[in-house]
Amino acid sequence: MFGMNNDEKLEIKKSENFADNQPSLSKLYKELNQAINSNNIQSIWELSKSITRYHFRTIDI
């Protein structure tokens, strides 16, 4: 994120953390696979966003 100060980066990182009750990553991948097989574009989009957020939440920006 270009042009952001450390406080803004920290705030984004906090807001993107998942709650403990959210599905595991493997379940998200299984659901994504099912959505792809059924050609459900809306589900593919939503699951892709969730998986991307999951992967980027641990990256030190």
C-alpha atoms as a PDB file:
ATOM      1  CA  MET A   1       0.000   0.000   0.000  1.00  0.00           C
ATOM      2  CA  PHE A   2       1.813   3.035  -1.233  1.00  0.00           C
ATOM      3  CA  GLY A   3       1.630   6.307   0.664  1.00  0.00           C
ATOM      4  CA  MET A   4       0.237   4.830   3.872  1.00  0.00           C
ATOM      5  CA  ASN A   5       1.709   5.479   7.266  1.00  0.00           C
ATOM      6  CA  ASN A   6       2.207   2.727   9.839  1.00  0.00           C
ATOM      7  CA  ASP A   7      -1.020   3.554  11.717  1.00  0.00           C
ATOM      8  CA  GLU A   8      -3.080   3.134   8.546  1.00  0.00           C
ATOM      9  CA  LYS A   9      -1.364  -0.170   7.759  1.00  0.00           C
ATOM     10  CA  LEU A  10      -2.023  -1.441  11.282  1.00  0.00           C
ATOM     11  CA  GLU A  11      -5.684  -0.421  11.082  1.00  0.00           C
ATOM     12  CA  ILE A  12      -6.141  -2.289   7.790  1.00  0.00           C
ATOM     13  CA  LYS A  13      -4.416  -5.364   9.186  1.00  0.00           C
ATOM     14  CA  LYS A  14      -6.674  -5.347  12.281  1.00  0.00           C
ATOM     15  CA  SER A  15      -9.853  -4.898  10.244  1.00  0.00           C
ATOM     16  CA  GLU A  16      -9.022  -7.814   7.959  1.00  0.00           C
ATOM     17  CA  ASN A  17      -8.364 -10.361  10.709  1.00  0.00           C
ATOM     18  CA  PHE A  18     -10.842 -13.201  10.723  1.00  0.00           C
ATOM     19  CA  ALA A  19     -12.975 -14.112  13.685  1.00  0.00           C
ATOM     20  CA  ASP A  20     -12.344 -17.474  15.316  1.00  0.00           C
ATOM     21  CA  ASN A  21     -15.703 -18.805  14.171  1.00  0.00           C
ATOM     22  CA  GLN A  22     -15.028 -18.391  10.444  1.00  0.00           C
ATOM     23  CA  PRO A  23     -14.551 -21.508   8.340  1.00  0.00           C
ATOM     24  CA  SER A  24     -11.126 -23.013   7.957  1.00  0.00           C
ATOM     25  CA  LEU A  25      -9.104 -22.379   4.832  1.00  0.00           C
ATOM     26  CA  SER A  26      -9.472 -25.975   3.634  1.00  0.00           C
ATOM     27  CA  LYS A  27     -13.252 -25.642   3.853  1.00  0.00           C
ATOM     28  CA  LEU A  28     -13.068 -22.430   1.822  1.00  0.00           C
ATOM     29  CA  TYR A  29     -11.037 -24.224  -0.855  1.00  0.00           C
ATOM     30  CA  LYS A  30     -13.569 -27.084  -0.955  1.00  0.00           C
ATOM     31  CA  GLU A  31     -16.427 -24.604  -1.324  1.00  0.00           C
ATOM     32  CA  LEU A  32     -14.496 -22.758  -4.043  1.00  0.00           C
ATOM     33  CA  ASN A  33     -13.965 -26.029  -5.916  1.00  0.00           C
ATOM     34  CA  GLN A  34     -17.700 -26.781  -5.717  1.00  0.00           C
ATOM     35  CA  ALA A  35     -18.544 -23.275  -6.941  1.00  0.00           C
ATOM     36  CA  ILE A  36     -16.160 -23.663  -9.881  1.00  0.00           C
ATOM     37  CA  ASN A  37     -17.650 -27.053 -10.776  1.00  0.00           C
ATOM     38  CA  SER A  38     -21.177 -25.621 -10.697  1.00  0.00           C
ATOM     39  CA  ASN A  39     -20.072 -22.402 -12.460  1.00  0.00           C
ATOM     40  CA  ASN A  40     -21.512 -20.247  -9.653  1.00  0.00           C
ATOM     41  CA  ILE A  41     -19.798 -16.943 -10.435  1.00  0.00           C
ATOM     42  CA  GLN A  42     -21.066 -15.072  -7.356  1.00  0.00           C
ATOM     43  CA  SER A  43     -19.768 -17.766  -4.999  1.00  0.00           C
ATOM     44  CA  ILE A  44     -16.456 -17.957  -6.862  1.00  0.00           C
ATOM     45  CA  TRP A  45     -16.040 -14.192  -6.417  1.00  0.00           C
ATOM     46  CA  GLU A  46     -16.904 -14.165  -2.703  1.00  0.00           C
ATOM     47  CA  LEU A  47     -14.789 -17.211  -1.836  1.00  0.00           C
ATOM     48  CA  SER A  48     -11.831 -15.888  -3.824  1.00  0.00           C
ATOM     49  CA  LYS A  49     -11.984 -12.629  -1.859  1.00  0.00           C
ATOM     50  CA  SER A  50     -12.098 -14.515   1.450  1.00  0.00           C
ATOM     51  CA  ILE A  51      -9.165 -16.748   0.544  1.00  0.00           C
ATOM     52  CA  THR A  52      -7.128 -13.769  -0.673  1.00  0.00           C
ATOM     53  CA  ARG A  53      -7.792 -11.874   2.576  1.00  0.00           C
ATOM     54  CA  TYR A  54      -6.773 -14.941   4.558  1.00  0.00           C
ATOM     55  CA  HIS A  55      -3.431 -15.169   2.758  1.00  0.00           C
ATOM     56  CA  PHE A  56      -2.666 -11.454   2.940  1.00  0.00           C
ATOM     57  CA  ARG A  57      -3.590 -11.007   6.605  1.00  0.00           C
ATOM     58  CA  THR A  58      -0.267 -12.450   7.755  1.00  0.00           C
ATOM     59  CA  ILE A  59       1.940 -10.551   5.312  1.00  0.00           C
ATOM     60  CA  ASP A  60       3.875  -7.697   6.893  1.00  0.00           C
ATOM     61  CA  ILE A  61       3.068  -4.771   4.614  1.00  0.00           C
END
